[in-house]
Amino acid sequence: MDPVNRSLINLHITVMILGGTALFSKLIPLSAIDITFGRSLTAFLCLTFVVYISGQTLALQNKRDYLVAIMLGIIMAAHWVTYFMSMQYASVSVGIIALFTFPVITVLLEPLFENTQLAWQDVFSALVVLFGIYLIVPSTSLQDNVTLGVIIGVLSAILYSLRNLIHRKHFSNYSGVKAMAWQTMIVCPCIIFFVSEEALTFNISLQTILLLLLLGSVFTALPHSLIASSLKHLRPKTFALVSCMQPLYGVVFAIIILKEAPTWQTFLGGTLVISAAIYETVKTHKDRKRQ
């Protein structure tokens, strides 16, 4: 098979796997912090193994890069905790749609990191996303779990955007696997004091332990390793566009496995959010091509 076609198939499999990570917020009977700790610890061990068998080491080039790695790990810790928390408060469908406001949020934050200016199309995309989120939110009360889940999900999207912008500007000279190995390593000490005693002492059921191992290895370390290999043969635009299918996979998995049925407001709001994400992905690629 042609290397490009093989990479494209691997990328679709990768995005499907990443879409499935949302399910663990409901399948694992632990807090968002406990899930994040178990996921990060397992992923770190797996990714470190991949780094060393590929002939690399975890050593970074200079002291500044170590500080950047720590910063990225702290942001990743907050992002993953809020990611799972959002879905535990609301639903997988609502949480994953709220997260995918990040492409538009990234465009809005980009002028703070790079010498770019906002175009009127970006502002329009942001308004479309706001309207999409408005459709999903059932009420303005923070007593409503769905509303709280959406707010936390958008916060997770902001953190993810910050992480991506900092990574692109200061840490993109390292492979994706090595960068993720560092970030998952930093996540663990960041949240260890907030992890429950049951999770720390493994005083949890065997099924829960197996689900955490599955999440950290197959649903975290594996997709990030596949991404690194796929990007050797695919353009960043292709990767970004296929990644926008992640919410679709997540929602379909939630319907099939968790029996979650999204409302028509969630479906319509999600369509608007994902459409804006796809538009900004295409537009960003075209803008960079002109530069």
C-alpha atoms as a PDB file:
ATOM      1  CA  MET A   1       0.000   0.000   0.000  1.00  0.00           C
ATOM      2  CA  ASP A   2       1.128   3.543  -0.782  1.00  0.00           C
ATOM      3  CA  PRO A   3       2.736   5.187   2.303  1.00  0.00           C
ATOM      4  CA  VAL A   4       0.416   8.212   2.026  1.00  0.00           C
ATOM      5  CA  ASN A   5      -2.724   6.049   1.937  1.00  0.00           C
ATOM      6  CA  ARG A   6      -1.429   3.931   4.811  1.00  0.00           C
ATOM      7  CA  SER A   7      -0.750   7.074   6.851  1.00  0.00           C
ATOM      8  CA  LEU A   8      -4.233   8.406   6.074  1.00  0.00           C
ATOM      9  CA  ILE A   9      -5.834   5.163   7.270  1.00  0.00           C
ATOM     10  CA  ASN A  10      -3.660   5.254  10.413  1.00  0.00           C
ATOM     11  CA  LEU A  11      -4.705   8.856  11.001  1.00  0.00           C
ATOM     12  CA  HIS A  12      -8.422   8.013  10.802  1.00  0.00           C
ATOM     13  CA  ILE A  13      -7.872   5.122  13.225  1.00  0.00           C
ATOM     14  CA  THR A  14      -5.960   7.492  15.508  1.00  0.00           C
ATOM     15  CA  VAL A  15      -8.746  10.090  15.510  1.00  0.00           C
ATOM     16  CA  MET A  16     -11.314   7.355  16.202  1.00  0.00           C
ATOM     17  CA  ILE A  17      -9.239   6.191  19.172  1.00  0.00           C
ATOM     18  CA  LEU A  18      -8.908   9.763  20.500  1.00  0.00           C
ATOM     19  CA  GLY A  19     -12.666  10.193  20.112  1.00  0.00           C
ATOM     20  CA  GLY A  20     -13.077   7.167  22.365  1.00  0.00           C
ATOM     21  CA  THR A  21     -11.109   8.722  25.249  1.00  0.00           C
ATOM     22  CA  ALA A  22     -14.209  10.710  26.212  1.00  0.00           C
ATOM     23  CA  LEU A  23     -16.064   7.495  27.102  1.00  0.00           C
ATOM     24  CA  PHE A  24     -13.710   6.820  30.010  1.00  0.00           C
ATOM     25  CA  SER A  25     -15.120   9.834  31.869  1.00  0.00           C
ATOM     26  CA  LYS A  26     -18.264   7.735  32.316  1.00  0.00           C
ATOM     27  CA  LEU A  27     -16.835   4.202  32.269  1.00  0.00           C
ATOM     28  CA  ILE A  28     -14.277   4.759  35.059  1.00  0.00           C
ATOM     29  CA  PRO A  29     -15.954   5.330  38.465  1.00  0.00           C
ATOM     30  CA  LEU A  30     -13.336   7.812  39.671  1.00  0.00           C
ATOM     31  CA  SER A  31     -12.965  11.585  39.835  1.00  0.00           C
ATOM     32  CA  ALA A  32     -11.549  13.522  36.884  1.00  0.00           C
ATOM     33  CA  ILE A  33      -8.291  14.036  38.826  1.00  0.00           C
ATOM     34  CA  ASP A  34      -7.912  10.310  39.561  1.00  0.00           C
ATOM     35  CA  ILE A  35      -8.591   9.419  35.920  1.00  0.00           C
ATOM     36  CA  THR A  36      -6.052  11.997  34.722  1.00  0.00           C
ATOM     37  CA  PHE A  37      -3.411  10.675  37.120  1.00  0.00           C
ATOM     38  CA  GLY A  38      -3.883   7.057  36.028  1.00  0.00           C
ATOM     39  CA  ARG A  39      -3.943   8.058  32.368  1.00  0.00           C
ATOM     40  CA  SER A  40      -0.802  10.190  32.632  1.00  0.00           C
ATOM     41  CA  LEU A  41       1.240   7.657  34.593  1.00  0.00           C
ATOM     42  CA  THR A  42       0.446   4.838  32.160  1.00  0.00           C
ATOM     43  CA  ALA A  43       0.966   7.048  29.097  1.00  0.00           C
ATOM     44  CA  PHE A  44       4.308   8.329  30.418  1.00  0.00           C
ATOM     45  CA  LEU A  45       5.663   4.797  30.884  1.00  0.00           C
ATOM     46  CA  CYS A  46       4.480   3.732  27.415  1.00  0.00           C
ATOM     47  CA  LEU A  47       5.709   6.868  25.634  1.00  0.00           C
ATOM     48  CA  THR A  48       9.086   6.752  27.382  1.00  0.00           C
ATOM     49  CA  PHE A  49       9.477   3.176  26.182  1.00  0.00           C
ATOM     50  CA  VAL A  50       8.704   4.317  22.599  1.00  0.00           C
ATOM     51  CA  VAL A  51      11.212   7.187  22.902  1.00  0.00           C
ATOM     52  CA  TYR A  52      14.046   4.870  23.951  1.00  0.00           C
ATOM     53  CA  ILE A  53      13.358   2.061  21.462  1.00  0.00           C
ATOM     54  CA  SER A  54      13.377   4.673  18.695  1.00  0.00           C
ATOM     55  CA  GLY A  55      16.920   5.619  19.671  1.00  0.00           C
ATOM     56  CA  GLN A  56      16.100   8.886  21.453  1.00  0.00           C
ATOM     57  CA  THR A  57      16.424   9.975  25.069  1.00  0.00           C
ATOM     58  CA  LEU A  58      14.307  12.255  27.238  1.00  0.00           C
ATOM     59  CA  ALA A  59      17.155  14.779  27.492  1.00  0.00           C
ATOM     60  CA  LEU A  60      16.310  18.265  26.203  1.00  0.00           C
ATOM     61  CA  GLN A  61      18.631  20.701  24.443  1.00  0.00           C
ATOM     62  CA  ASN A  62      18.836  23.493  27.026  1.00  0.00           C
ATOM     63  CA  LYS A  63      17.547  24.776  30.383  1.00  0.00           C
ATOM     64  CA  ARG A  64      14.876  26.923  28.762  1.00  0.00           C
ATOM     65  CA  ASP A  65      13.320  23.843  27.135  1.00  0.00           C
ATOM     66  CA  TYR A  66      13.007  22.163  30.537  1.00  0.00           C
ATOM     67  CA  LEU A  67      11.072  25.183  31.818  1.00  0.00           C
ATOM     68  CA  VAL A  68       8.835  25.097  28.726  1.00  0.00           C
ATOM     69  CA  ALA A  69       8.229  21.362  29.230  1.00  0.00           C
ATOM     70  CA  ILE A  70       7.187  21.981  32.835  1.00  0.00           C
ATOM     71  CA  MET A  71       4.843  24.784  31.761  1.00  0.00           C
ATOM     72  CA  LEU A  72       3.286  22.595  29.066  1.00  0.00           C
ATOM     73  CA  GLY A  73       2.835  19.751  31.564  1.00  0.00           C
ATOM     74  CA  ILE A  74       1.070  22.014  34.064  1.00  0.00           C
ATOM     75  CA  ILE A  75      -1.301  23.287  31.377  1.00  0.00           C
ATOM     76  CA  MET A  76      -1.889  19.727  30.128  1.00  0.00           C
ATOM     77  CA  ALA A  77      -2.750  18.610  33.673  1.00  0.00           C
ATOM     78  CA  ALA A  78      -5.389  21.325  33.984  1.00  0.00           C
ATOM     79  CA  HIS A  79      -6.675  20.585  30.465  1.00  0.00           C
ATOM     80  CA  TRP A  80      -7.123  16.844  31.029  1.00  0.00           C
ATOM     81  CA  VAL A  81      -8.779  17.306  34.444  1.00  0.00           C
ATOM     82  CA  THR A  82     -11.281  19.836  33.073  1.00  0.00           C
ATOM     83  CA  TYR A  83     -11.789  17.639  29.964  1.00  0.00           C
ATOM     84  CA  PHE A  84     -13.018  14.680  32.018  1.00  0.00           C
ATOM     85  CA  MET A  85     -14.804  16.904  34.539  1.00  0.00           C
ATOM     86  CA  SER A  86     -16.810  18.553  31.763  1.00  0.00           C
ATOM     87  CA  MET A  87     -18.168  15.207  30.567  1.00  0.00           C
ATOM     88  CA  GLN A  88     -18.877  13.990  34.069  1.00  0.00           C
ATOM     89  CA  TYR A  89     -21.007  17.065  34.750  1.00  0.00           C
ATOM     90  CA  ALA A  90     -22.746  17.117  31.378  1.00  0.00           C
ATOM     91  CA  SER A  91     -22.397  14.288  28.850  1.00  0.00           C
ATOM     92  CA  VAL A  92     -19.795  12.994  26.428  1.00  0.00           C
ATOM     93  CA  SER A  93     -21.551  14.687  23.494  1.00  0.00           C
ATOM     94  CA  VAL A  94     -21.750  18.089  25.180  1.00  0.00           C
ATOM     95  CA  GLY A  95     -18.236  17.908  26.635  1.00  0.00           C
ATOM     96  CA  ILE A  96     -16.487  16.965  23.390  1.00  0.00           C
ATOM     97  CA  ILE A  97     -18.370  19.654  21.445  1.00  0.00           C
ATOM     98  CA  ALA A  98     -17.405  22.274  24.051  1.00  0.00           C
ATOM     99  CA  LEU A  99     -13.763  21.155  23.743  1.00  0.00           C
ATOM    100  CA  PHE A 100     -13.783  21.614  19.978  1.00  0.00           C
ATOM    101  CA  THR A 101     -14.274  25.325  20.337  1.00  0.00           C
ATOM    102  CA  PHE A 102     -10.456  25.282  20.626  1.00  0.00           C
ATOM    103  CA  PRO A 103      -9.639  25.892  16.906  1.00  0.00           C
ATOM    104  CA  VAL A 104     -11.554  29.183  17.000  1.00  0.00           C
ATOM    105  CA  ILE A 105     -10.185  30.054  20.465  1.00  0.00           C
ATOM    106  CA  THR A 106      -6.678  29.388  19.107  1.00  0.00           C
ATOM    107  CA  VAL A 107      -7.239  31.887  16.297  1.00  0.00           C
ATOM    108  CA  LEU A 108      -8.439  34.497  18.808  1.00  0.00           C
ATOM    109  CA  LEU A 109      -5.406  33.940  21.076  1.00  0.00           C
ATOM    110  CA  GLU A 110      -2.836  33.706  18.277  1.00  0.00           C
ATOM    111  CA  PRO A 111      -2.164  37.474  18.043  1.00  0.00           C
ATOM    112  CA  LEU A 112      -0.829  37.294  21.624  1.00  0.00           C
ATOM    113  CA  PHE A 113       1.834  34.779  20.544  1.00  0.00           C
ATOM    114  CA  GLU A 114       2.584  35.596  16.924  1.00  0.00           C
ATOM    115  CA  ASN A 115       2.621  38.617  14.659  1.00  0.00           C
ATOM    116  CA  THR A 116      -0.875  38.093  13.274  1.00  0.00           C
ATOM    117  CA  GLN A 117      -4.083  40.096  13.153  1.00  0.00           C
ATOM    118  CA  LEU A 118      -7.691  39.060  13.516  1.00  0.00           C
ATOM    119  CA  ALA A 119      -9.753  39.093  10.332  1.00  0.00           C
ATOM    120  CA  TRP A 120     -13.492  39.762  10.277  1.00  0.00           C
ATOM    121  CA  GLN A 121     -13.990  36.107   9.287  1.00  0.00           C
ATOM    122  CA  ASP A 122     -12.376  35.045  12.577  1.00  0.00           C
ATOM    123  CA  VAL A 123     -14.758  37.238  14.561  1.00  0.00           C
ATOM    124  CA  PHE A 124     -17.686  35.765  12.597  1.00  0.00           C
ATOM    125  CA  SER A 125     -16.444  32.231  13.389  1.00  0.00           C
ATOM    126  CA  ALA A 126     -16.282  33.143  17.072  1.00  0.00           C
ATOM    127  CA  LEU A 127     -19.885  34.405  16.947  1.00  0.00           C
ATOM    128  CA  VAL A 128     -20.996  31.175  15.251  1.00  0.00           C
ATOM    129  CA  VAL A 129     -19.282  29.167  18.001  1.00  0.00           C
ATOM    130  CA  LEU A 130     -20.901  31.312  20.703  1.00  0.00           C
ATOM    131  CA  PHE A 131     -24.314  30.725  19.161  1.00  0.00           C
ATOM    132  CA  GLY A 132     -23.585  26.991  18.936  1.00  0.00           C
ATOM    133  CA  ILE A 133     -22.633  26.912  22.625  1.00  0.00           C
ATOM    134  CA  TYR A 134     -25.730  28.983  23.456  1.00  0.00           C
ATOM    135  CA  LEU A 135     -27.903  26.289  21.847  1.00  0.00           C
ATOM    136  CA  ILE A 136     -26.262  23.571  23.939  1.00  0.00           C
ATOM    137  CA  VAL A 137     -26.575  25.391  27.281  1.00  0.00           C
ATOM    138  CA  PRO A 138     -29.993  24.573  28.814  1.00  0.00           C
ATOM    139  CA  SER A 139     -30.024  27.462  31.318  1.00  0.00           C
ATOM    140  CA  THR A 140     -27.886  30.259  32.709  1.00  0.00           C
ATOM    141  CA  SER A 141     -27.803  28.731  36.197  1.00  0.00           C
ATOM    142  CA  LEU A 142     -24.571  27.172  37.436  1.00  0.00           C
ATOM    143  CA  GLN A 143     -26.789  24.798  39.421  1.00  0.00           C
ATOM    144  CA  ASP A 144     -27.505  23.070  36.119  1.00  0.00           C
ATOM    145  CA  ASN A 145     -24.889  20.337  35.563  1.00  0.00           C
ATOM    146  CA  VAL A 146     -25.036  20.632  31.770  1.00  0.00           C
ATOM    147  CA  THR A 147     -24.386  24.383  31.909  1.00  0.00           C
ATOM    148  CA  LEU A 148     -21.509  23.832  34.328  1.00  0.00           C
ATOM    149  CA  GLY A 149     -20.156  21.070  32.085  1.00  0.00           C
ATOM    150  CA  VAL A 150     -20.190  23.373  29.042  1.00  0.00           C
ATOM    151  CA  ILE A 151     -18.358  26.155  30.923  1.00  0.00           C
ATOM    152  CA  ILE A 152     -15.709  23.720  32.175  1.00  0.00           C
ATOM    153  CA  GLY A 153     -15.435  22.259  28.648  1.00  0.00           C
ATOM    154  CA  VAL A 154     -14.777  25.694  27.138  1.00  0.00           C
ATOM    155  CA  LEU A 155     -12.178  26.322  29.874  1.00  0.00           C
ATOM    156  CA  SER A 156     -10.545  23.017  28.850  1.00  0.00           C
ATOM    157  CA  ALA A 157     -10.551  24.260  25.235  1.00  0.00           C
ATOM    158  CA  ILE A 158      -8.820  27.517  26.274  1.00  0.00           C
ATOM    159  CA  LEU A 159      -6.141  25.532  28.125  1.00  0.00           C
ATOM    160  CA  TYR A 160      -5.677  23.225  25.133  1.00  0.00           C
ATOM    161  CA  SER A 161      -5.310  26.236  22.821  1.00  0.00           C
ATOM    162  CA  LEU A 162      -2.678  27.776  25.112  1.00  0.00           C
ATOM    163  CA  ARG A 163      -0.810  24.478  25.251  1.00  0.00           C
ATOM    164  CA  ASN A 164      -0.809  24.168  21.450  1.00  0.00           C
ATOM    165  CA  LEU A 165       0.330  27.765  20.879  1.00  0.00           C
ATOM    166  CA  ILE A 166       3.179  27.518  23.414  1.00  0.00           C
ATOM    167  CA  HIS A 167       4.195  24.129  22.029  1.00  0.00           C
ATOM    168  CA  ARG A 168       4.268  25.396  18.444  1.00  0.00           C
ATOM    169  CA  LYS A 169       6.307  28.480  19.338  1.00  0.00           C
ATOM    170  CA  HIS A 170       8.776  27.013  21.849  1.00  0.00           C
ATOM    171  CA  PHE A 171       8.767  23.186  21.726  1.00  0.00           C
ATOM    172  CA  SER A 172       8.037  22.081  18.147  1.00  0.00           C
ATOM    173  CA  ASN A 173      11.664  21.073  17.534  1.00  0.00           C
ATOM    174  CA  TYR A 174      11.009  17.850  19.503  1.00  0.00           C
ATOM    175  CA  SER A 175       9.105  14.825  18.225  1.00  0.00           C
ATOM    176  CA  GLY A 176       5.465  14.489  19.218  1.00  0.00           C
ATOM    177  CA  VAL A 177       6.160  11.317  21.208  1.00  0.00           C
ATOM    178  CA  LYS A 178       9.026  12.904  23.170  1.00  0.00           C
ATOM    179  CA  ALA A 179       7.001  16.063  23.848  1.00  0.00           C
ATOM    180  CA  MET A 180       4.033  14.038  25.120  1.00  0.00           C
ATOM    181  CA  ALA A 181       6.328  11.865  27.256  1.00  0.00           C
ATOM    182  CA  TRP A 182       7.558  14.998  29.002  1.00  0.00           C
ATOM    183  CA  GLN A 183       4.101  16.468  29.424  1.00  0.00           C
ATOM    184  CA  THR A 184       2.580  13.291  30.863  1.00  0.00           C
ATOM    185  CA  MET A 185       5.562  13.025  33.232  1.00  0.00           C
ATOM    186  CA  ILE A 186       4.915  16.565  34.548  1.00  0.00           C
ATOM    187  CA  VAL A 187       1.157  15.972  34.910  1.00  0.00           C
ATOM    188  CA  CYS A 188       1.644  13.338  37.641  1.00  0.00           C
ATOM    189  CA  PRO A 189       3.459  15.459  40.290  1.00  0.00           C
ATOM    190  CA  CYS A 190       1.161  18.408  39.472  1.00  0.00           C
ATOM    191  CA  ILE A 191      -1.967  16.605  40.666  1.00  0.00           C
ATOM    192  CA  ILE A 192      -0.636  13.878  42.979  1.00  0.00           C
ATOM    193  CA  PHE A 193      -1.656  15.788  46.137  1.00  0.00           C
ATOM    194  CA  PHE A 194      -5.247  15.932  44.890  1.00  0.00           C
ATOM    195  CA  VAL A 195      -5.512  12.246  43.946  1.00  0.00           C
ATOM    196  CA  SER A 196      -7.716  10.137  46.220  1.00  0.00           C
ATOM    197  CA  GLU A 197      -6.084   7.696  48.625  1.00  0.00           C
ATOM    198  CA  GLU A 198      -7.940   4.820  46.950  1.00  0.00           C
ATOM    199  CA  ALA A 199      -6.430   5.613  43.545  1.00  0.00           C
ATOM    200  CA  LEU A 200      -2.912   6.172  44.945  1.00  0.00           C
ATOM    201  CA  THR A 201      -2.918   2.870  46.836  1.00  0.00           C
ATOM    202  CA  PHE A 202      -4.687   1.015  44.001  1.00  0.00           C
ATOM    203  CA  ASN A 203      -7.535   0.243  46.417  1.00  0.00           C
ATOM    204  CA  ILE A 204      -9.891   0.121  43.463  1.00  0.00           C
ATOM    205  CA  SER A 205     -11.473  -2.691  41.486  1.00  0.00           C
ATOM    206  CA  LEU A 206      -9.463  -4.703  38.961  1.00  0.00           C
ATOM    207  CA  GLN A 207     -11.847  -3.532  36.234  1.00  0.00           C
ATOM    208  CA  THR A 208     -11.099   0.116  37.057  1.00  0.00           C
ATOM    209  CA  ILE A 209      -7.344  -0.540  37.013  1.00  0.00           C
ATOM    210  CA  LEU A 210      -7.634  -2.263  33.622  1.00  0.00           C
ATOM    211  CA  LEU A 211      -9.691   0.640  32.235  1.00  0.00           C
ATOM    212  CA  LEU A 212      -7.037   3.134  33.424  1.00  0.00           C
ATOM    213  CA  LEU A 213      -4.282   1.054  31.800  1.00  0.00           C
ATOM    214  CA  LEU A 214      -6.336   0.869  28.594  1.00  0.00           C
ATOM    215  CA  LEU A 215      -6.903   4.632  28.603  1.00  0.00           C
ATOM    216  CA  GLY A 216      -3.241   5.451  29.193  1.00  0.00           C
ATOM    217  CA  SER A 217      -1.806   2.974  26.691  1.00  0.00           C
ATOM    218  CA  VAL A 218      -4.193   2.243  23.795  1.00  0.00           C
ATOM    219  CA  PHE A 219      -6.153   5.508  24.006  1.00  0.00           C
ATOM    220  CA  THR A 220      -3.289   7.921  24.799  1.00  0.00           C
ATOM    221  CA  ALA A 221       0.230   6.598  24.114  1.00  0.00           C
ATOM    222  CA  LEU A 222      -0.719   4.655  20.968  1.00  0.00           C
ATOM    223  CA  PRO A 223      -2.542   7.478  19.115  1.00  0.00           C
ATOM    224  CA  HIS A 224       0.224   9.978  19.845  1.00  0.00           C
ATOM    225  CA  SER A 225       2.781   7.510  18.518  1.00  0.00           C
ATOM    226  CA  LEU A 226       0.668   6.972  15.392  1.00  0.00           C
ATOM    227  CA  ILE A 227       0.347  10.734  14.894  1.00  0.00           C
ATOM    228  CA  ALA A 228       4.132  11.086  14.870  1.00  0.00           C
ATOM    229  CA  SER A 229       4.469   8.445  12.139  1.00  0.00           C
ATOM    230  CA  SER A 230       1.480   9.701  10.102  1.00  0.00           C
ATOM    231  CA  LEU A 231       2.848  13.243   9.871  1.00  0.00           C
ATOM    232  CA  LYS A 232       5.891  11.936   7.986  1.00  0.00           C
ATOM    233  CA  HIS A 233       3.692  11.399   4.914  1.00  0.00           C
ATOM    234  CA  LEU A 234       0.721  13.743   5.427  1.00  0.00           C
ATOM    235  CA  ARG A 235       0.381  17.521   5.271  1.00  0.00           C
ATOM    236  CA  PRO A 236      -0.523  19.338   8.509  1.00  0.00           C
ATOM    237  CA  LYS A 237      -3.752  20.493   6.831  1.00  0.00           C
ATOM    238  CA  THR A 238      -4.846  16.886   6.279  1.00  0.00           C
ATOM    239  CA  PHE A 239      -4.094  16.032   9.889  1.00  0.00           C
ATOM    240  CA  ALA A 240      -6.006  19.065  11.183  1.00  0.00           C
ATOM    241  CA  LEU A 241      -9.073  18.396   9.017  1.00  0.00           C
ATOM    242  CA  VAL A 242      -9.279  14.707   9.922  1.00  0.00           C
ATOM    243  CA  SER A 243      -8.872  15.663  13.597  1.00  0.00           C
ATOM    244  CA  CYS A 244     -12.080  17.691  13.318  1.00  0.00           C
ATOM    245  CA  MET A 245     -13.923  14.369  12.967  1.00  0.00           C
ATOM    246  CA  GLN A 246     -13.035  13.475  16.560  1.00  0.00           C
ATOM    247  CA  PRO A 247     -16.278  14.905  18.026  1.00  0.00           C
ATOM    248  CA  LEU A 248     -18.304  12.902  15.493  1.00  0.00           C
ATOM    249  CA  TYR A 249     -16.590   9.669  16.520  1.00  0.00           C
ATOM    250  CA  GLY A 250     -16.973  10.557  20.200  1.00  0.00           C
ATOM    251  CA  VAL A 251     -20.702  11.263  19.872  1.00  0.00           C
ATOM    252  CA  VAL A 252     -21.307   8.063  17.856  1.00  0.00           C
ATOM    253  CA  PHE A 253     -19.409   5.983  20.449  1.00  0.00           C
ATOM    254  CA  ALA A 254     -21.422   7.632  23.255  1.00  0.00           C
ATOM    255  CA  ILE A 255     -24.691   6.762  21.484  1.00  0.00           C
ATOM    256  CA  ILE A 256     -23.661   3.136  20.864  1.00  0.00           C
ATOM    257  CA  ILE A 257     -21.804   2.310  24.088  1.00  0.00           C
ATOM    258  CA  LEU A 258     -23.253   4.675  26.718  1.00  0.00           C
ATOM    259  CA  LYS A 259     -26.742   4.964  25.176  1.00  0.00           C
ATOM    260  CA  GLU A 260     -26.438   8.767  25.339  1.00  0.00           C
ATOM    261  CA  ALA A 261     -28.873  10.400  22.926  1.00  0.00           C
ATOM    262  CA  PRO A 262     -27.948  14.044  22.178  1.00  0.00           C
ATOM    263  CA  THR A 263     -30.839  16.508  21.950  1.00  0.00           C
ATOM    264  CA  TRP A 264     -31.568  18.376  18.726  1.00  0.00           C
ATOM    265  CA  GLN A 265     -30.081  21.520  20.349  1.00  0.00           C
ATOM    266  CA  THR A 266     -26.847  19.638  21.053  1.00  0.00           C
ATOM    267  CA  PHE A 267     -26.799  18.280  17.506  1.00  0.00           C
ATOM    268  CA  LEU A 268     -27.410  21.706  15.930  1.00  0.00           C
ATOM    269  CA  GLY A 269     -25.020  23.521  18.276  1.00  0.00           C
ATOM    270  CA  GLY A 270     -22.367  20.865  17.667  1.00  0.00           C
ATOM    271  CA  THR A 271     -22.770  21.211  13.902  1.00  0.00           C
ATOM    272  CA  LEU A 272     -22.149  24.974  14.163  1.00  0.00           C
ATOM    273  CA  VAL A 273     -19.100  24.545  16.426  1.00  0.00           C
ATOM    274  CA  ILE A 274     -17.487  21.851  14.271  1.00  0.00           C
ATOM    275  CA  SER A 275     -18.256  23.764  11.048  1.00  0.00           C
ATOM    276  CA  ALA A 276     -16.454  26.803  12.474  1.00  0.00           C
ATOM    277  CA  ALA A 277     -13.546  24.577  13.533  1.00  0.00           C
ATOM    278  CA  ILE A 278     -13.223  23.129  10.017  1.00  0.00           C
ATOM    279  CA  TYR A 279     -13.461  26.594   8.436  1.00  0.00           C
ATOM    280  CA  GLU A 280     -10.723  28.015  10.685  1.00  0.00           C
ATOM    281  CA  THR A 281      -8.521  24.973  10.007  1.00  0.00           C
ATOM    282  CA  VAL A 282      -8.757  25.470   6.243  1.00  0.00           C
ATOM    283  CA  LYS A 283      -8.357  29.261   6.500  1.00  0.00           C
ATOM    284  CA  THR A 284      -5.295  28.997   8.770  1.00  0.00           C
ATOM    285  CA  HIS A 285      -3.602  26.637   6.324  1.00  0.00           C
ATOM    286  CA  LYS A 286      -4.274  28.985   3.394  1.00  0.00           C
ATOM    287  CA  ASP A 287      -2.997  32.006   5.342  1.00  0.00           C
ATOM    288  CA  ARG A 288       0.259  30.249   6.205  1.00  0.00           C
ATOM    289  CA  LYS A 289       0.704  29.130   2.610  1.00  0.00           C
ATOM    290  CA  ARG A 290       0.609  32.768   1.456  1.00  0.00           C
ATOM    291  CA  GLN A 291       3.254  33.853   4.010  1.00  0.00           C
END
